[in-house]
């Protein structure tokens, strides 16, 4: 039996806890950022705000106590990207040598452009802590609601050390959750983060009334620009052809449960970004912040990302979505498969 702490009581964190409880064999703690939220969830017996309709079994302890993290052997972070640095800094005194940290957040830090595992590592400098913790990533096509329902789902878990990845694979896999391992942290994390940007674009296309042809084109060219950036940053091309690349992209661009696609769809219908985000009821669409960070990272790497560029113009500059789609279509012709 392993002691596992899941940081973050959003839909995804709650769904992971439910999946692990069904698997059995673990002592599970679901950590909330506040005692009030933890108390509300515990008293209700379900996460009514973020994942209603799924009762929490007694095997899952919900707490807002930071000290609970210290008892865990595996710490699974599902904190939204914009709050991750502050949260890990807050929990820093309670982490200890021998723990394994797994990041299940799909995003980039806005100001630093760091991947989530890099943000965690930056908050736990070895000279200060006196120890170094293995930090990995957990990513793939996985709607929280379907994971909570126990529907078959496949995900990639990545660590620099293949042996640690194999251990997490063994600890988390179940009849409904199949894990594949990778040592390509860069590719897995960037694939998971950047697909949210393309999902916004797919939603925009749907919102303005475009059809399947347009969505297919955006998805295909979207994975091309995701791959360009991931490879430029040191990731492996084949990773982006797998679960954390194409797999996650297809799900998020086509599934009605995708918050990022929903944001794009509402933008395409003429709604403003502030009113769309307010309508999410506190849920996070990571692609909004990731769009800005991805474009800045692409410029730093000298990588062209035309779809991402148009999404930034829509999100931040109020560009008309139809004009953005037209500008993408009117770009100069080029060879499909670039040799770089």
C-alpha atoms as a PDB file:
ATOM      1  CA  UNK A   1       0.000   0.000   0.000  1.00  0.00           C
ATOM      2  CA  UNK A   2       1.251   3.482  -0.901  1.00  0.00           C
ATOM      3  CA  UNK A   3       0.219   6.739   0.695  1.00  0.00           C
ATOM      4  CA  UNK A   4      -0.799   9.150  -2.080  1.00  0.00           C
ATOM      5  CA  UNK A   5      -1.640  12.839  -1.696  1.00  0.00           C
ATOM      6  CA  UNK A   6      -3.516  14.520  -4.538  1.00  0.00           C
ATOM      7  CA  UNK A   7      -3.014  18.286  -4.505  1.00  0.00           C
ATOM      8  CA  UNK A   8      -6.037  20.100  -5.868  1.00  0.00           C
ATOM      9  CA  UNK A   9      -9.771  19.531  -5.445  1.00  0.00           C
ATOM     10  CA  UNK A  10     -10.817  20.487  -8.944  1.00  0.00           C
ATOM     11  CA  UNK A  11     -12.595  18.073 -11.276  1.00  0.00           C
ATOM     12  CA  UNK A  12      -9.379  16.398 -12.439  1.00  0.00           C
ATOM     13  CA  UNK A  13      -7.897  15.947  -8.978  1.00  0.00           C
ATOM     14  CA  UNK A  14     -11.168  14.524  -7.687  1.00  0.00           C
ATOM     15  CA  UNK A  15     -11.479  12.170 -10.674  1.00  0.00           C
ATOM     16  CA  UNK A  16      -7.958  10.838 -10.126  1.00  0.00           C
ATOM     17  CA  UNK A  17      -8.765  10.205  -6.463  1.00  0.00           C
ATOM     18  CA  UNK A  18     -11.904   8.282  -7.442  1.00  0.00           C
ATOM     19  CA  UNK A  19      -9.966   6.224  -9.984  1.00  0.00           C
ATOM     20  CA  UNK A  20      -7.293   5.325  -7.439  1.00  0.00           C
ATOM     21  CA  UNK A  21      -9.901   4.439  -4.835  1.00  0.00           C
ATOM     22  CA  UNK A  22     -11.573   2.010  -7.258  1.00  0.00           C
ATOM     23  CA  UNK A  23      -8.187   0.451  -7.908  1.00  0.00           C
ATOM     24  CA  UNK A  24      -7.644  -0.104  -4.206  1.00  0.00           C
ATOM     25  CA  UNK A  25      -4.430  -0.714  -2.317  1.00  0.00           C
ATOM     26  CA  UNK A  26      -3.642   2.899  -1.460  1.00  0.00           C
ATOM     27  CA  UNK A  27      -4.198   5.352   1.366  1.00  0.00           C
ATOM     28  CA  UNK A  28      -5.573   8.455  -0.377  1.00  0.00           C
ATOM     29  CA  UNK A  29      -5.652  12.093   0.689  1.00  0.00           C
ATOM     30  CA  UNK A  30      -7.289  14.801  -1.421  1.00  0.00           C
ATOM     31  CA  UNK A  31      -5.787  18.139  -0.406  1.00  0.00           C
ATOM     32  CA  UNK A  32      -7.719  21.395  -0.816  1.00  0.00           C
ATOM     33  CA  UNK A  33      -6.196  24.869  -0.793  1.00  0.00           C
ATOM     34  CA  UNK A  34      -8.468  25.917   2.065  1.00  0.00           C
ATOM     35  CA  UNK A  35      -9.957  24.266   5.155  1.00  0.00           C
ATOM     36  CA  UNK A  36     -13.341  25.688   4.165  1.00  0.00           C
ATOM     37  CA  UNK A  37     -13.358  23.961   0.766  1.00  0.00           C
ATOM     38  CA  UNK A  38     -12.159  20.696   2.312  1.00  0.00           C
ATOM     39  CA  UNK A  39     -14.933  20.877   4.912  1.00  0.00           C
ATOM     40  CA  UNK A  40     -17.596  21.590   2.263  1.00  0.00           C
ATOM     41  CA  UNK A  41     -16.540  18.580   0.184  1.00  0.00           C
ATOM     42  CA  UNK A  42     -16.246  16.276   3.198  1.00  0.00           C
ATOM     43  CA  UNK A  43     -19.639  17.284   4.588  1.00  0.00           C
ATOM     44  CA  UNK A  44     -21.381  16.993   1.221  1.00  0.00           C
ATOM     45  CA  UNK A  45     -19.726  13.668   0.440  1.00  0.00           C
ATOM     46  CA  UNK A  46     -19.009  14.868  -3.087  1.00  0.00           C
ATOM     47  CA  UNK A  47     -17.325  17.724  -4.930  1.00  0.00           C
ATOM     48  CA  UNK A  48     -20.509  19.620  -5.764  1.00  0.00           C
ATOM     49  CA  UNK A  49     -18.696  22.602  -7.271  1.00  0.00           C
ATOM     50  CA  UNK A  50     -16.307  20.883  -9.666  1.00  0.00           C
ATOM     51  CA  UNK A  51     -17.464  17.271 -10.082  1.00  0.00           C
ATOM     52  CA  UNK A  52     -21.063  16.879  -8.910  1.00  0.00           C
ATOM     53  CA  UNK A  53     -22.816  13.541  -8.998  1.00  0.00           C
ATOM     54  CA  UNK A  54     -19.851  11.407  -7.910  1.00  0.00           C
ATOM     55  CA  UNK A  55     -20.005  10.448  -4.225  1.00  0.00           C
ATOM     56  CA  UNK A  56     -16.631  10.328  -2.481  1.00  0.00           C
ATOM     57  CA  UNK A  57     -16.067   6.938  -0.849  1.00  0.00           C
ATOM     58  CA  UNK A  58     -14.795   6.756   2.741  1.00  0.00           C
ATOM     59  CA  UNK A  59     -11.369   5.662   1.496  1.00  0.00           C
ATOM     60  CA  UNK A  60     -10.621   9.218   0.357  1.00  0.00           C
ATOM     61  CA  UNK A  61      -9.684  11.689   3.101  1.00  0.00           C
ATOM     62  CA  UNK A  62     -10.313  15.340   2.192  1.00  0.00           C
ATOM     63  CA  UNK A  63      -8.252  17.894   4.103  1.00  0.00           C
ATOM     64  CA  UNK A  64      -6.865  21.411   3.977  1.00  0.00           C
ATOM     65  CA  UNK A  65      -4.033  20.557   6.358  1.00  0.00           C
ATOM     66  CA  UNK A  66      -0.597  21.047   4.749  1.00  0.00           C
ATOM     67  CA  UNK A  67       0.993  18.550   7.134  1.00  0.00           C
ATOM     68  CA  UNK A  68      -0.995  15.754   5.471  1.00  0.00           C
ATOM     69  CA  UNK A  69       1.327  16.017   2.484  1.00  0.00           C
ATOM     70  CA  UNK A  70       4.292  15.020   4.627  1.00  0.00           C
ATOM     71  CA  UNK A  71       2.907  11.518   5.153  1.00  0.00           C
ATOM     72  CA  UNK A  72       2.598  10.786   1.429  1.00  0.00           C
ATOM     73  CA  UNK A  73       5.017   8.678  -0.584  1.00  0.00           C
ATOM     74  CA  UNK A  74       3.605   9.914  -3.893  1.00  0.00           C
ATOM     75  CA  UNK A  75       2.434  13.512  -4.327  1.00  0.00           C
ATOM     76  CA  UNK A  76       0.208  14.035  -7.371  1.00  0.00           C
ATOM     77  CA  UNK A  77      -0.111  17.734  -8.214  1.00  0.00           C
ATOM     78  CA  UNK A  78      -3.256  18.862 -10.028  1.00  0.00           C
ATOM     79  CA  UNK A  79      -2.925  22.563  -9.155  1.00  0.00           C
ATOM     80  CA  UNK A  80      -3.838  25.046 -11.945  1.00  0.00           C
ATOM     81  CA  UNK A  81      -0.735  26.522 -13.564  1.00  0.00           C
ATOM     82  CA  UNK A  82      -1.317  30.067 -12.323  1.00  0.00           C
ATOM     83  CA  UNK A  83      -1.422  28.882  -8.692  1.00  0.00           C
ATOM     84  CA  UNK A  84       1.216  26.155  -8.808  1.00  0.00           C
ATOM     85  CA  UNK A  85       4.264  28.151  -7.742  1.00  0.00           C
ATOM     86  CA  UNK A  86       2.520  29.691  -4.740  1.00  0.00           C
ATOM     87  CA  UNK A  87       1.088  26.321  -3.691  1.00  0.00           C
ATOM     88  CA  UNK A  88       4.362  24.386  -3.881  1.00  0.00           C
ATOM     89  CA  UNK A  89       6.120  27.218  -2.046  1.00  0.00           C
ATOM     90  CA  UNK A  90       3.456  26.958   0.658  1.00  0.00           C
ATOM     91  CA  UNK A  91       3.836  23.174   0.912  1.00  0.00           C
ATOM     92  CA  UNK A  92       7.615  23.215   0.604  1.00  0.00           C
ATOM     93  CA  UNK A  93       8.278  22.794   4.383  1.00  0.00           C
ATOM     94  CA  UNK A  94       6.124  19.656   4.437  1.00  0.00           C
ATOM     95  CA  UNK A  95       7.819  17.790   1.594  1.00  0.00           C
ATOM     96  CA  UNK A  96      10.542  15.317   2.500  1.00  0.00           C
ATOM     97  CA  UNK A  97      13.241  13.154   0.979  1.00  0.00           C
ATOM     98  CA  UNK A  98      12.051   9.912  -0.594  1.00  0.00           C
ATOM     99  CA  UNK A  99       8.807  11.287  -2.032  1.00  0.00           C
ATOM    100  CA  UNK A 100       7.922  11.195  -5.730  1.00  0.00           C
ATOM    101  CA  UNK A 101       6.090  14.144  -7.283  1.00  0.00           C
ATOM    102  CA  UNK A 102       3.887  13.715 -10.352  1.00  0.00           C
ATOM    103  CA  UNK A 103       2.460  16.759 -12.143  1.00  0.00           C
ATOM    104  CA  UNK A 104      -0.928  16.254 -13.790  1.00  0.00           C
ATOM    105  CA  UNK A 105      -1.415  19.921 -14.744  1.00  0.00           C
ATOM    106  CA  UNK A 106      -1.395  20.777 -18.457  1.00  0.00           C
ATOM    107  CA  UNK A 107      -0.031  24.271 -18.835  1.00  0.00           C
ATOM    108  CA  UNK A 108       2.906  26.667 -18.948  1.00  0.00           C
ATOM    109  CA  UNK A 109       3.726  29.267 -16.311  1.00  0.00           C
ATOM    110  CA  UNK A 110       2.807  32.613 -17.821  1.00  0.00           C
ATOM    111  CA  UNK A 111       5.733  34.791 -16.745  1.00  0.00           C
ATOM    112  CA  UNK A 112       8.576  32.244 -16.736  1.00  0.00           C
ATOM    113  CA  UNK A 113       7.398  30.035 -19.648  1.00  0.00           C
ATOM    114  CA  UNK A 114       8.390  27.011 -17.553  1.00  0.00           C
ATOM    115  CA  UNK A 115       6.688  23.633 -17.801  1.00  0.00           C
ATOM    116  CA  UNK A 116       4.904  22.487 -14.653  1.00  0.00           C
ATOM    117  CA  UNK A 117       7.630  20.048 -13.576  1.00  0.00           C
ATOM    118  CA  UNK A 118      10.157  22.857 -13.952  1.00  0.00           C
ATOM    119  CA  UNK A 119       8.064  25.165 -11.768  1.00  0.00           C
ATOM    120  CA  UNK A 120       7.914  22.514  -9.052  1.00  0.00           C
ATOM    121  CA  UNK A 121      11.671  21.930  -9.275  1.00  0.00           C
ATOM    122  CA  UNK A 122      12.321  25.675  -9.051  1.00  0.00           C
ATOM    123  CA  UNK A 123      10.334  25.798  -5.805  1.00  0.00           C
ATOM    124  CA  UNK A 124      12.375  22.945  -4.308  1.00  0.00           C
ATOM    125  CA  UNK A 125      16.015  23.861  -4.936  1.00  0.00           C
ATOM    126  CA  UNK A 126      18.312  21.057  -3.767  1.00  0.00           C
ATOM    127  CA  UNK A 127      20.805  23.349  -1.962  1.00  0.00           C
ATOM    128  CA  UNK A 128      17.950  24.682   0.143  1.00  0.00           C
ATOM    129  CA  UNK A 129      16.042  21.452   0.803  1.00  0.00           C
ATOM    130  CA  UNK A 130      19.062  19.194   1.178  1.00  0.00           C
ATOM    131  CA  UNK A 131      17.456  16.568  -1.064  1.00  0.00           C
ATOM    132  CA  UNK A 132      16.289  16.172  -4.648  1.00  0.00           C
ATOM    133  CA  UNK A 133      12.883  14.703  -5.454  1.00  0.00           C
ATOM    134  CA  UNK A 134      12.054  12.922  -8.721  1.00  0.00           C
ATOM    135  CA  UNK A 135       9.446  15.004 -10.552  1.00  0.00           C
ATOM    136  CA  UNK A 136       7.422  13.600 -13.435  1.00  0.00           C
ATOM    137  CA  UNK A 137       4.417  14.329 -15.639  1.00  0.00           C
ATOM    138  CA  UNK A 138       1.066  12.597 -16.125  1.00  0.00           C
ATOM    139  CA  UNK A 139      -0.717  13.516 -19.358  1.00  0.00           C
ATOM    140  CA  UNK A 140      -2.975  12.190 -22.088  1.00  0.00           C
ATOM    141  CA  UNK A 141      -6.553  12.198 -23.421  1.00  0.00           C
ATOM    142  CA  UNK A 142      -8.556  12.231 -20.207  1.00  0.00           C
ATOM    143  CA  UNK A 143     -11.775  14.077 -19.448  1.00  0.00           C
ATOM    144  CA  UNK A 144     -12.258  14.141 -15.686  1.00  0.00           C
ATOM    145  CA  UNK A 145     -15.908  13.111 -15.856  1.00  0.00           C
ATOM    146  CA  UNK A 146     -15.147   9.960 -17.849  1.00  0.00           C
ATOM    147  CA  UNK A 147     -12.239   9.003 -15.570  1.00  0.00           C
ATOM    148  CA  UNK A 148     -14.576   9.461 -12.601  1.00  0.00           C
ATOM    149  CA  UNK A 149     -17.104   7.173 -14.299  1.00  0.00           C
ATOM    150  CA  UNK A 150     -14.463   4.493 -14.697  1.00  0.00           C
ATOM    151  CA  UNK A 151     -14.452   4.593 -18.491  1.00  0.00           C
ATOM    152  CA  UNK A 152     -11.300   3.074 -20.079  1.00  0.00           C
ATOM    153  CA  UNK A 153      -8.604   5.749 -20.372  1.00  0.00           C
ATOM    154  CA  UNK A 154      -4.958   5.636 -21.464  1.00  0.00           C
ATOM    155  CA  UNK A 155      -2.359   8.135 -20.239  1.00  0.00           C
ATOM    156  CA  UNK A 156       1.408   8.644 -20.432  1.00  0.00           C
ATOM    157  CA  UNK A 157       3.554   9.023 -17.316  1.00  0.00           C
ATOM    158  CA  UNK A 158       6.993  10.520 -17.922  1.00  0.00           C
ATOM    159  CA  UNK A 159      10.120  10.774 -15.774  1.00  0.00           C
ATOM    160  CA  UNK A 160      13.738  11.324 -16.697  1.00  0.00           C
ATOM    161  CA  UNK A 161      14.400   8.056 -14.852  1.00  0.00           C
ATOM    162  CA  UNK A 162      12.618   5.139 -16.555  1.00  0.00           C
ATOM    163  CA  UNK A 163      12.611   3.129 -13.325  1.00  0.00           C
ATOM    164  CA  UNK A 164      10.625   5.825 -11.499  1.00  0.00           C
ATOM    165  CA  UNK A 165       8.171   6.020 -14.410  1.00  0.00           C
ATOM    166  CA  UNK A 166       7.715   2.246 -14.198  1.00  0.00           C
ATOM    167  CA  UNK A 167       7.011   2.461 -10.460  1.00  0.00           C
ATOM    168  CA  UNK A 168       4.322   5.118 -10.954  1.00  0.00           C
ATOM    169  CA  UNK A 169       2.879   3.062 -13.793  1.00  0.00           C
ATOM    170  CA  UNK A 170       2.527   0.098 -11.436  1.00  0.00           C
ATOM    171  CA  UNK A 171       1.109   2.217  -8.594  1.00  0.00           C
ATOM    172  CA  UNK A 172      -1.571   4.067 -10.585  1.00  0.00           C
ATOM    173  CA  UNK A 173      -2.647   1.672 -13.343  1.00  0.00           C
ATOM    174  CA  UNK A 174      -5.979  -0.131 -13.016  1.00  0.00           C
ATOM    175  CA  UNK A 175      -8.620  -1.903 -15.090  1.00  0.00           C
ATOM    176  CA  UNK A 176      -9.937   1.473 -16.250  1.00  0.00           C
ATOM    177  CA  UNK A 177      -6.694   3.490 -16.305  1.00  0.00           C
ATOM    178  CA  UNK A 178      -3.883   2.226 -18.536  1.00  0.00           C
ATOM    179  CA  UNK A 179      -0.510   3.944 -18.214  1.00  0.00           C
ATOM    180  CA  UNK A 180       2.317   4.034 -20.732  1.00  0.00           C
ATOM    181  CA  UNK A 181       5.783   5.220 -19.707  1.00  0.00           C
ATOM    182  CA  UNK A 182       8.125   7.722 -21.333  1.00  0.00           C
ATOM    183  CA  UNK A 183      11.387   9.478 -20.550  1.00  0.00           C
ATOM    184  CA  UNK A 184      10.478  12.461 -22.761  1.00  0.00           C
ATOM    185  CA  UNK A 185       9.334  14.942 -20.134  1.00  0.00           C
ATOM    186  CA  UNK A 186       9.507  17.863 -22.566  1.00  0.00           C
ATOM    187  CA  UNK A 187       7.383  16.249 -25.251  1.00  0.00           C
ATOM    188  CA  UNK A 188       4.774  14.913 -22.830  1.00  0.00           C
ATOM    189  CA  UNK A 189       4.351  18.202 -20.975  1.00  0.00           C
ATOM    190  CA  UNK A 190       4.356  20.465 -24.024  1.00  0.00           C
ATOM    191  CA  UNK A 191       1.947  18.187 -25.870  1.00  0.00           C
ATOM    192  CA  UNK A 192      -0.490  18.348 -22.967  1.00  0.00           C
ATOM    193  CA  UNK A 193      -0.175  22.106 -22.591  1.00  0.00           C
ATOM    194  CA  UNK A 194      -0.200  23.230 -26.214  1.00  0.00           C
ATOM    195  CA  UNK A 195      -3.132  21.113 -27.380  1.00  0.00           C
ATOM    196  CA  UNK A 196      -5.371  23.400 -25.305  1.00  0.00           C
ATOM    197  CA  UNK A 197      -4.490  26.295 -27.610  1.00  0.00           C
ATOM    198  CA  UNK A 198      -5.477  24.313 -30.686  1.00  0.00           C
ATOM    199  CA  UNK A 199      -8.679  23.250 -28.916  1.00  0.00           C
ATOM    200  CA  UNK A 200      -9.621  26.922 -28.568  1.00  0.00           C
ATOM    201  CA  UNK A 201      -9.047  27.282 -32.314  1.00  0.00           C
ATOM    202  CA  UNK A 202     -11.240  24.251 -33.037  1.00  0.00           C
ATOM    203  CA  UNK A 203     -13.933  25.759 -30.855  1.00  0.00           C
ATOM    204  CA  UNK A 204     -13.679  29.080 -32.690  1.00  0.00           C
ATOM    205  CA  UNK A 205     -14.176  27.249 -35.996  1.00  0.00           C
ATOM    206  CA  UNK A 206     -17.271  25.526 -34.641  1.00  0.00           C
ATOM    207  CA  UNK A 207     -18.566  28.768 -33.152  1.00  0.00           C
ATOM    208  CA  UNK A 208     -18.437  30.640 -36.451  1.00  0.00           C
ATOM    209  CA  UNK A 209     -20.246  27.777 -38.161  1.00  0.00           C
ATOM    210  CA  UNK A 210     -17.421  26.013 -39.975  1.00  0.00           C
ATOM    211  CA  UNK A 211     -17.582  22.271 -40.574  1.00  0.00           C
ATOM    212  CA  UNK A 212     -15.546  19.116 -40.175  1.00  0.00           C
ATOM    213  CA  UNK A 213     -13.087  20.001 -42.941  1.00  0.00           C
ATOM    214  CA  UNK A 214     -11.996  23.098 -41.048  1.00  0.00           C
ATOM    215  CA  UNK A 215     -11.649  21.258 -37.750  1.00  0.00           C
ATOM    216  CA  UNK A 216      -9.565  18.525 -39.360  1.00  0.00           C
ATOM    217  CA  UNK A 217      -7.277  21.116 -40.949  1.00  0.00           C
ATOM    218  CA  UNK A 218      -6.800  22.975 -37.667  1.00  0.00           C
ATOM    219  CA  UNK A 219      -6.053  19.790 -35.761  1.00  0.00           C
ATOM    220  CA  UNK A 220      -3.557  18.527 -38.330  1.00  0.00           C
ATOM    221  CA  UNK A 221      -1.710  21.809 -38.692  1.00  0.00           C
ATOM    222  CA  UNK A 222      -2.037  22.283 -34.939  1.00  0.00           C
ATOM    223  CA  UNK A 223      -0.089  19.122 -34.146  1.00  0.00           C
ATOM    224  CA  UNK A 224       2.498  20.262 -36.697  1.00  0.00           C
ATOM    225  CA  UNK A 225       3.166  23.499 -34.828  1.00  0.00           C
ATOM    226  CA  UNK A 226       3.043  21.808 -31.423  1.00  0.00           C
ATOM    227  CA  UNK A 227       5.643  19.325 -32.659  1.00  0.00           C
ATOM    228  CA  UNK A 228       7.867  22.091 -34.062  1.00  0.00           C
ATOM    229  CA  UNK A 229       8.001  23.835 -30.713  1.00  0.00           C
ATOM    230  CA  UNK A 230       8.395  20.664 -28.648  1.00  0.00           C
ATOM    231  CA  UNK A 231      11.294  19.456 -30.809  1.00  0.00           C
ATOM    232  CA  UNK A 232      12.937  22.888 -30.688  1.00  0.00           C
ATOM    233  CA  UNK A 233      12.768  22.688 -26.881  1.00  0.00           C
ATOM    234  CA  UNK A 234      14.352  19.223 -26.829  1.00  0.00           C
ATOM    235  CA  UNK A 235      11.311  16.945 -27.026  1.00  0.00           C
ATOM    236  CA  UNK A 236      11.008  13.925 -29.301  1.00  0.00           C
ATOM    237  CA  UNK A 237       8.860  14.027 -32.430  1.00  0.00           C
ATOM    238  CA  UNK A 238       7.426  10.554 -31.811  1.00  0.00           C
ATOM    239  CA  UNK A 239       6.065  11.631 -28.427  1.00  0.00           C
ATOM    240  CA  UNK A 240       3.755  14.095 -30.134  1.00  0.00           C
ATOM    241  CA  UNK A 241       2.371  11.273 -32.279  1.00  0.00           C
ATOM    242  CA  UNK A 242       1.290   9.478 -29.090  1.00  0.00           C
ATOM    243  CA  UNK A 243      -1.229   9.828 -26.288  1.00  0.00           C
ATOM    244  CA  UNK A 244       0.061  13.113 -24.879  1.00  0.00           C
ATOM    245  CA  UNK A 245       0.199  14.660 -28.358  1.00  0.00           C
ATOM    246  CA  UNK A 246      -2.250  13.557 -31.058  1.00  0.00           C
ATOM    247  CA  UNK A 247      -4.366  11.591 -28.578  1.00  0.00           C
ATOM    248  CA  UNK A 248      -4.990  14.511 -26.253  1.00  0.00           C
ATOM    249  CA  UNK A 249      -5.380  16.915 -29.174  1.00  0.00           C
ATOM    250  CA  UNK A 250      -8.130  14.852 -30.823  1.00  0.00           C
ATOM    251  CA  UNK A 251     -10.060  14.555 -27.562  1.00  0.00           C
ATOM    252  CA  UNK A 252      -9.820  18.215 -26.608  1.00  0.00           C
ATOM    253  CA  UNK A 253     -10.607  19.536 -30.078  1.00  0.00           C
ATOM    254  CA  UNK A 254     -13.685  17.372 -30.617  1.00  0.00           C
ATOM    255  CA  UNK A 255     -15.132  16.538 -27.201  1.00  0.00           C
ATOM    256  CA  UNK A 256     -18.063  18.509 -25.846  1.00  0.00           C
ATOM    257  CA  UNK A 257     -16.593  18.227 -22.315  1.00  0.00           C
ATOM    258  CA  UNK A 258     -13.542  20.305 -23.302  1.00  0.00           C
ATOM    259  CA  UNK A 259     -13.492  23.665 -21.504  1.00  0.00           C
ATOM    260  CA  UNK A 260     -10.923  25.047 -23.935  1.00  0.00           C
ATOM    261  CA  UNK A 261     -13.033  24.108 -26.941  1.00  0.00           C
ATOM    262  CA  UNK A 262     -16.031  25.674 -25.198  1.00  0.00           C
ATOM    263  CA  UNK A 263     -14.120  28.941 -24.723  1.00  0.00           C
ATOM    264  CA  UNK A 264     -13.288  29.005 -28.437  1.00  0.00           C
ATOM    265  CA  UNK A 265     -16.828  28.153 -29.438  1.00  0.00           C
ATOM    266  CA  UNK A 266     -18.257  31.009 -27.392  1.00  0.00           C
ATOM    267  CA  UNK A 267     -15.658  33.408 -28.804  1.00  0.00           C
ATOM    268  CA  UNK A 268     -16.724  32.330 -32.288  1.00  0.00           C
ATOM    269  CA  UNK A 269     -20.326  33.092 -31.371  1.00  0.00           C
ATOM    270  CA  UNK A 270     -19.388  36.647 -30.469  1.00  0.00           C
ATOM    271  CA  UNK A 271     -19.150  36.525 -26.676  1.00  0.00           C
ATOM    272  CA  UNK A 272     -16.340  38.314 -24.850  1.00  0.00           C
ATOM    273  CA  UNK A 273     -13.592  36.452 -23.037  1.00  0.00           C
ATOM    274  CA  UNK A 274     -14.429  37.866 -19.553  1.00  0.00           C
ATOM    275  CA  UNK A 275     -18.060  36.763 -19.771  1.00  0.00           C
ATOM    276  CA  UNK A 276     -17.054  33.337 -21.096  1.00  0.00           C
ATOM    277  CA  UNK A 277     -14.599  32.762 -18.242  1.00  0.00           C
ATOM    278  CA  UNK A 278     -17.165  33.969 -15.706  1.00  0.00           C
ATOM    279  CA  UNK A 279     -19.582  31.394 -17.111  1.00  0.00           C
ATOM    280  CA  UNK A 280     -17.177  28.539 -16.322  1.00  0.00           C
ATOM    281  CA  UNK A 281     -18.136  28.793 -12.658  1.00  0.00           C
ATOM    282  CA  UNK A 282     -14.612  28.800 -11.275  1.00  0.00           C
ATOM    283  CA  UNK A 283     -13.327  26.048 -13.567  1.00  0.00           C
ATOM    284  CA  UNK A 284     -10.065  26.706 -15.415  1.00  0.00           C
ATOM    285  CA  UNK A 285      -9.489  26.754 -19.168  1.00  0.00           C
ATOM    286  CA  UNK A 286      -5.692  26.424 -19.177  1.00  0.00           C
ATOM    287  CA  UNK A 287      -5.435  27.246 -22.871  1.00  0.00           C
ATOM    288  CA  UNK A 288      -6.165  30.939 -22.299  1.00  0.00           C
ATOM    289  CA  UNK A 289      -2.951  31.540 -20.331  1.00  0.00           C
ATOM    290  CA  UNK A 290      -1.013  28.918 -22.283  1.00  0.00           C
ATOM    291  CA  UNK A 291      -1.670  30.716 -25.583  1.00  0.00           C
ATOM    292  CA  UNK A 292       0.301  33.762 -24.478  1.00  0.00           C
ATOM    293  CA  UNK A 293       3.099  31.731 -22.920  1.00  0.00           C
ATOM    294  CA  UNK A 294       3.358  29.378 -25.908  1.00  0.00           C
ATOM    295  CA  UNK A 295       3.707  32.211 -28.379  1.00  0.00           C
ATOM    296  CA  UNK A 296       6.429  33.874 -26.319  1.00  0.00           C
ATOM    297  CA  UNK A 297       8.245  30.546 -26.000  1.00  0.00           C
ATOM    298  CA  UNK A 298       7.931  29.995 -29.756  1.00  0.00           C
ATOM    299  CA  UNK A 299       9.436  33.399 -30.489  1.00  0.00           C
ATOM    300  CA  UNK A 300      12.288  32.662 -28.092  1.00  0.00           C
ATOM    301  CA  UNK A 301      12.951  29.412 -29.976  1.00  0.00           C
ATOM    302  CA  UNK A 302      12.487  30.937 -33.425  1.00  0.00           C
ATOM    303  CA  UNK A 303       9.510  28.673 -34.172  1.00  0.00           C
ATOM    304  CA  UNK A 304       6.523  29.694 -36.285  1.00  0.00           C
ATOM    305  CA  UNK A 305       3.094  29.014 -34.728  1.00  0.00           C
ATOM    306  CA  UNK A 306       0.456  30.693 -36.915  1.00  0.00           C
ATOM    307  CA  UNK A 307      -2.619  29.150 -35.260  1.00  0.00           C
ATOM    308  CA  UNK A 308      -1.380  30.102 -31.807  1.00  0.00           C
ATOM    309  CA  UNK A 309      -0.632  33.613 -33.053  1.00  0.00           C
ATOM    310  CA  UNK A 310      -4.185  34.075 -34.324  1.00  0.00           C
ATOM    311  CA  UNK A 311      -5.623  32.740 -31.060  1.00  0.00           C
ATOM    312  CA  UNK A 312      -3.601  35.292 -29.115  1.00  0.00           C
ATOM    313  CA  UNK A 313      -4.958  38.071 -31.326  1.00  0.00           C
ATOM    314  CA  UNK A 314      -8.515  36.873 -30.646  1.00  0.00           C
ATOM    315  CA  UNK A 315      -7.992  36.426 -26.892  1.00  0.00           C
ATOM    316  CA  UNK A 316      -5.918  39.509 -26.137  1.00  0.00           C
ATOM    317  CA  UNK A 317      -6.642  41.952 -28.964  1.00  0.00           C
ATOM    318  CA  UNK A 318     -10.284  41.223 -29.671  1.00  0.00           C
ATOM    319  CA  UNK A 319      -9.652  40.226 -33.282  1.00  0.00           C
ATOM    320  CA  UNK A 320     -12.738  39.027 -35.125  1.00  0.00           C
ATOM    321  CA  UNK A 321     -12.649  35.197 -35.219  1.00  0.00           C
ATOM    322  CA  UNK A 322     -13.766  35.068 -38.868  1.00  0.00           C
ATOM    323  CA  UNK A 323     -10.953  37.417 -39.812  1.00  0.00           C
ATOM    324  CA  UNK A 324      -8.482  35.207 -37.934  1.00  0.00           C
ATOM    325  CA  UNK A 325      -9.637  32.098 -39.829  1.00  0.00           C
ATOM    326  CA  UNK A 326      -9.436  34.000 -43.125  1.00  0.00           C
ATOM    327  CA  UNK A 327      -5.892  35.151 -42.378  1.00  0.00           C
ATOM    328  CA  UNK A 328      -4.840  31.572 -41.669  1.00  0.00           C
ATOM    329  CA  UNK A 329      -6.278  30.439 -45.005  1.00  0.00           C
ATOM    330  CA  UNK A 330      -4.556  33.250 -46.913  1.00  0.00           C
ATOM    331  CA  UNK A 331      -1.061  32.488 -45.649  1.00  0.00           C
ATOM    332  CA  UNK A 332       1.460  31.756 -48.430  1.00  0.00           C
ATOM    333  CA  UNK A 333       1.499  28.149 -49.639  1.00  0.00           C
ATOM    334  CA  UNK A 334       4.228  25.840 -48.447  1.00  0.00           C
ATOM    335  CA  UNK A 335       5.382  22.220 -48.440  1.00  0.00           C
ATOM    336  CA  UNK A 336       3.451  20.146 -45.913  1.00  0.00           C
ATOM    337  CA  UNK A 337       6.335  18.264 -44.296  1.00  0.00           C
ATOM    338  CA  UNK A 338       9.150  20.615 -43.379  1.00  0.00           C
ATOM    339  CA  UNK A 339      12.716  19.369 -43.236  1.00  0.00           C
ATOM    340  CA  UNK A 340      14.031  20.786 -40.008  1.00  0.00           C
END
